[in-house]
């Protein structure tokens, strides 16, 4: 099958962690995958790794918080392939910790841009090409923090993820007439570079997190990727406006 005949998936923030595993899984599912990131050397390495497995992949560098850069690059991807079948808005992060009293406006705007604006920018740019795709869908990432407001200093992260939950449902309403589905996943504690620092410096703390999870273990990036794969597939063709918790029961707050 030529590249132009393959289904096309764009995954933001895909040079490591969950994003890379999602790109890998979609590539294994037969998609041509476009990995986005801002670490160009790592992006090139990851594309080569996927290509050695026979996956059609390329890396495109842009900052998901930059409106113009997102629009330019997503449009270029859509024009190159003639369509986009799946957009995975994986990019995001805590951005740091700050209580609201001491929080600077710049920090607030950065975290909101990283987690919420990025979803809007990428989705808006992709919609014209998703309309040309097959069983097209957008998959976003929210968090338990969207419901429990996050831990100390993570209030604005929680606020941004609450916005992702809302925009997922709003996009689903907006795009239903075109047959474009929009869903979200909500990963719990997953063993990724996101937690690398505490895992390295306080391994006992990292290990203890399993105690608050019903299944008594930390999740794996591949376990998130498998759910994203399902949501992108025809098996999920009647699922839209939903959020799937992937946390081993962590959301129950035991």
Protein backbone atom coordinates (compact mmCIF):
# COMPACT_ATOMS: atom_id res chain seq x y z
CA UNK A 1 0.00 0.00 0.00
CA UNK A 2 1.45 3.39 -0.95
CA UNK A 3 1.78 6.15 1.64
CA UNK A 4 -1.00 8.12 0.01
CA UNK A 5 -3.39 5.18 0.39
CA UNK A 6 -2.68 4.63 4.07
CA UNK A 7 -4.75 6.08 6.86
CA UNK A 8 -2.93 9.04 8.42
CA UNK A 9 -2.49 9.72 12.14
CA UNK A 10 -0.95 12.85 13.63
CA UNK A 11 0.30 12.54 17.22
CA UNK A 12 1.49 15.66 19.04
CA UNK A 13 4.18 15.41 21.71
CA UNK A 14 5.20 12.03 20.32
CA UNK A 15 8.97 11.88 20.86
CA UNK A 16 8.78 10.04 24.20
CA UNK A 17 6.52 8.46 26.81
CA UNK A 18 2.88 7.80 26.04
CA UNK A 19 2.95 9.82 22.82
CA UNK A 20 5.64 7.67 21.26
CA UNK A 21 3.93 4.43 22.26
CA UNK A 22 0.67 5.73 20.75
CA UNK A 23 2.45 6.59 17.50
CA UNK A 24 4.10 3.16 17.48
CA UNK A 25 0.82 1.35 18.10
CA UNK A 26 -1.01 3.29 15.39
CA UNK A 27 1.88 2.56 13.04
CA UNK A 28 1.53 -1.13 13.85
CA UNK A 29 -2.18 -0.76 13.10
CA UNK A 30 -1.24 0.31 9.59
CA UNK A 31 -1.35 4.09 9.80
CA UNK A 32 1.20 6.44 8.32
CA UNK A 33 2.13 8.28 11.51
CA UNK A 34 3.31 11.86 11.83
CA UNK A 35 5.15 12.48 15.08
CA UNK A 36 5.27 16.02 16.42
CA UNK A 37 7.62 17.45 19.01
CA UNK A 38 10.19 20.15 19.70
CA UNK A 39 13.20 17.88 20.39
CA UNK A 40 14.34 17.42 16.82
CA UNK A 41 17.22 15.02 17.46
CA UNK A 42 15.00 12.72 19.53
CA UNK A 43 12.24 12.99 16.94
CA UNK A 44 14.59 11.86 14.19
CA UNK A 45 15.73 8.89 16.30
CA UNK A 46 12.17 7.82 17.05
CA UNK A 47 11.18 7.96 13.38
CA UNK A 48 14.14 5.76 12.46
CA UNK A 49 13.15 3.31 15.20
CA UNK A 50 9.64 3.09 13.76
CA UNK A 51 10.91 2.71 10.21
CA UNK A 52 13.04 -0.29 11.23
CA UNK A 53 9.75 -1.96 12.20
CA UNK A 54 8.31 -1.26 8.77
CA UNK A 55 6.15 1.63 9.97
CA UNK A 56 5.63 4.62 7.69
CA UNK A 57 6.60 7.60 9.85
CA UNK A 58 7.86 11.14 9.73
CA UNK A 59 8.69 13.83 12.28
CA UNK A 60 7.43 17.41 12.11
CA UNK A 61 8.81 20.01 14.52
CA UNK A 62 6.52 22.69 15.93
CA UNK A 63 5.49 24.13 19.27
CA UNK A 64 1.86 23.22 20.01
CA UNK A 65 1.39 26.47 21.97
CA UNK A 66 2.21 28.56 18.89
CA UNK A 67 -1.00 29.21 16.96
CA UNK A 68 0.67 30.11 13.66
CA UNK A 69 3.14 27.21 13.79
CA UNK A 70 0.42 24.66 14.55
CA UNK A 71 -1.83 25.91 11.76
CA UNK A 72 1.00 26.03 9.22
CA UNK A 73 2.31 22.54 9.97
CA UNK A 74 -1.01 20.71 10.42
CA UNK A 75 -2.20 22.25 7.16
CA UNK A 76 1.00 21.16 5.40
CA UNK A 77 0.54 17.59 6.70
CA UNK A 78 -3.08 17.53 5.54
CA UNK A 79 -2.17 18.85 2.12
CA UNK A 80 0.70 16.36 1.74
CA UNK A 81 -1.47 13.31 2.45
CA UNK A 82 -4.74 14.76 1.19
CA UNK A 83 -6.46 13.97 4.51
CA UNK A 84 -5.98 13.29 8.20
CA UNK A 85 -7.82 10.31 9.68
CA UNK A 86 -6.81 10.61 13.32
CA UNK A 87 -5.50 13.52 15.39
CA UNK A 88 -4.13 12.58 18.81
CA UNK A 89 -3.66 15.68 20.97
CA UNK A 90 -1.12 14.05 23.25
CA UNK A 91 1.13 17.06 23.97
CA UNK A 92 0.74 18.58 27.43
CA UNK A 93 2.16 18.53 30.91
CA UNK A 94 2.16 19.85 34.44
CA UNK A 95 4.44 22.75 33.53
CA UNK A 96 5.55 23.15 37.15
CA UNK A 97 3.74 23.83 40.41
CA UNK A 98 2.42 27.09 41.79
CA UNK A 99 -0.29 28.06 44.24
CA UNK A 100 -2.72 30.61 42.84
CA UNK A 101 -1.69 33.36 45.25
CA UNK A 102 1.89 33.35 43.99
CA UNK A 103 1.10 32.33 40.40
CA UNK A 104 2.33 34.63 37.67
CA UNK A 105 0.12 35.40 34.72
CA UNK A 106 2.82 34.07 32.41
CA UNK A 107 2.83 30.70 34.21
CA UNK A 108 -0.96 30.51 34.12
CA UNK A 109 -1.03 31.29 30.41
CA UNK A 110 1.76 28.81 29.64
CA UNK A 111 0.02 25.87 31.33
CA UNK A 112 -3.32 26.72 29.77
CA UNK A 113 -1.66 27.06 26.35
CA UNK A 114 0.21 23.78 26.69
CA UNK A 115 -2.80 21.72 27.67
CA UNK A 116 -5.89 23.48 26.32
CA UNK A 117 -4.96 26.00 23.63
CA UNK A 118 -2.91 23.31 21.90
CA UNK A 119 -6.00 21.12 21.54
CA UNK A 120 -7.93 24.00 20.01
CA UNK A 121 -5.15 25.02 17.63
CA UNK A 122 -4.45 21.50 16.34
CA UNK A 123 -8.10 20.48 16.10
CA UNK A 124 -9.12 23.64 14.26
CA UNK A 125 -6.34 23.18 11.72
CA UNK A 126 -7.05 19.46 11.25
CA UNK A 127 -10.83 19.62 10.82
CA UNK A 128 -10.83 20.38 7.07
CA UNK A 129 -8.62 17.32 6.52
CA UNK A 130 -10.49 15.11 8.99
CA UNK A 131 -13.57 15.76 6.86
CA UNK A 132 -11.71 14.01 4.02
CA UNK A 133 -10.63 11.05 6.17
CA UNK A 134 -12.14 7.65 6.91
CA UNK A 135 -13.81 7.02 10.28
CA UNK A 136 -12.09 10.23 11.34
CA UNK A 137 -11.60 11.10 14.99
CA UNK A 138 -9.83 13.35 17.46
CA UNK A 139 -8.50 11.88 20.69
CA UNK A 140 -7.59 14.23 23.54
CA UNK A 141 -5.99 13.73 26.95
CA UNK A 142 -7.60 14.83 30.16
CA UNK A 143 -6.72 13.81 33.72
CA UNK A 144 -8.13 12.83 37.10
CA UNK A 145 -7.14 16.37 38.05
CA UNK A 146 -10.01 17.62 35.90
CA UNK A 147 -12.37 16.10 38.50
CA UNK A 148 -10.41 16.32 41.77
CA UNK A 149 -8.68 19.68 41.06
CA UNK A 150 -5.18 18.20 41.34
CA UNK A 151 -2.60 18.20 44.10
CA UNK A 152 -0.90 21.17 45.77
CA UNK A 153 0.30 23.65 43.19
CA UNK A 154 -1.39 21.82 40.31
CA UNK A 155 -4.56 23.89 40.29
CA UNK A 156 -4.00 25.50 36.92
CA UNK A 157 -3.07 22.12 35.41
CA UNK A 158 -6.38 20.78 36.72
CA UNK A 159 -8.16 23.82 35.31
CA UNK A 160 -6.63 23.27 31.88
CA UNK A 161 -7.55 19.58 31.90
CA UNK A 162 -11.09 20.45 32.93
CA UNK A 163 -11.15 22.57 29.81
CA UNK A 164 -9.96 19.62 27.73
CA UNK A 165 -12.84 17.54 29.09
CA UNK A 166 -15.28 20.26 28.04
CA UNK A 167 -13.76 20.98 24.61
CA UNK A 168 -13.79 17.24 23.84
CA UNK A 169 -17.55 17.15 24.28
CA UNK A 170 -18.02 20.48 22.53
CA UNK A 171 -16.00 19.33 19.50
CA UNK A 172 -17.98 16.09 19.43
CA UNK A 173 -21.19 18.12 19.17
CA UNK A 174 -19.69 20.42 16.57
CA UNK A 175 -18.34 17.66 14.32
CA UNK A 176 -20.98 14.94 14.61
CA UNK A 177 -22.71 16.06 11.41
CA UNK A 178 -19.51 15.24 9.52
CA UNK A 179 -19.15 11.81 11.11
CA UNK A 180 -16.04 12.93 12.98
CA UNK A 181 -15.85 11.44 16.46
CA UNK A 182 -14.12 13.17 19.39
CA UNK A 183 -13.14 11.34 22.57
CA UNK A 184 -10.63 11.62 25.38
CA UNK A 185 -8.52 9.34 27.51
CA UNK A 186 -7.64 10.06 31.11
CA UNK A 187 -4.43 8.24 32.05
CA UNK A 188 -3.75 7.60 35.70
CA UNK A 189 -0.24 7.13 37.04
CA UNK A 190 1.76 5.81 34.10
CA UNK A 191 5.47 4.92 34.18
CA UNK A 192 6.84 7.55 31.79
CA UNK A 193 9.53 10.28 31.76
CA UNK A 194 6.82 12.55 33.24
CA UNK A 195 7.60 10.87 36.59
CA UNK A 196 11.30 10.22 35.94
CA UNK A 197 12.64 12.68 38.48
CA UNK A 198 10.70 11.41 41.45
CA UNK A 199 11.26 7.80 40.36
CA UNK A 200 15.02 8.44 40.37
CA UNK A 201 15.26 10.54 43.54
CA UNK A 202 12.46 9.06 45.65
CA UNK A 203 11.77 5.55 44.36
CA UNK A 204 9.92 4.63 47.54
CA UNK A 205 7.45 7.46 46.93
CA UNK A 206 6.96 6.43 43.32
CA UNK A 207 6.37 2.81 44.37
CA UNK A 208 3.91 3.91 47.07
CA UNK A 209 1.62 5.46 44.49
CA UNK A 210 0.47 1.96 43.60
CA UNK A 211 -1.25 1.80 47.00
CA UNK A 212 -3.88 4.31 45.83
CA UNK A 213 -4.63 2.29 42.70
CA UNK A 214 -7.26 -0.43 42.81
CA UNK A 215 -5.10 -2.82 40.75
CA UNK A 216 -2.04 -2.04 42.96
CA UNK A 217 0.41 -1.22 40.20
CA UNK A 218 1.61 1.62 38.00
CA UNK A 219 0.37 1.69 34.42
CA UNK A 220 2.41 1.26 31.25
CA UNK A 221 2.42 3.60 28.22
CA UNK A 222 1.42 0.66 26.02
CA UNK A 223 -1.78 0.31 28.03
CA UNK A 224 -2.78 3.85 27.10
CA UNK A 225 -1.77 3.25 23.48
CA UNK A 226 -4.06 0.23 23.21
CA UNK A 227 -7.08 2.31 24.27
CA UNK A 228 -6.19 5.10 21.82
CA UNK A 229 -5.89 2.42 19.12
CA UNK A 230 -9.38 1.19 19.98
CA UNK A 231 -10.90 4.68 19.95
CA UNK A 232 -9.37 5.34 16.53
CA UNK A 233 -10.68 2.07 15.12
CA UNK A 234 -13.97 1.12 13.51
CA UNK A 235 -14.69 -0.94 16.61
CA UNK A 236 -15.36 2.41 18.32
CA UNK A 237 -17.42 3.83 15.45
CA UNK A 238 -20.41 4.57 17.73
CA UNK A 239 -18.40 6.18 20.52
CA UNK A 240 -18.07 9.95 20.72
CA UNK A 241 -17.98 12.63 23.45
CA UNK A 242 -16.64 10.06 25.93
CA UNK A 243 -13.69 10.02 28.31
CA UNK A 244 -12.11 6.67 29.17
CA UNK A 245 -10.23 6.39 32.45
CA UNK A 246 -7.01 4.38 32.13
CA UNK A 247 -5.86 4.23 35.71
CA UNK A 248 -6.43 0.80 37.17
CA UNK A 249 -9.29 2.14 39.28
CA UNK A 250 -7.28 5.10 40.59
CA UNK A 251 -10.18 7.48 39.92
CA UNK A 252 -12.15 5.83 42.75
CA UNK A 253 -9.79 7.50 45.19
CA UNK A 254 -9.32 4.52 47.49
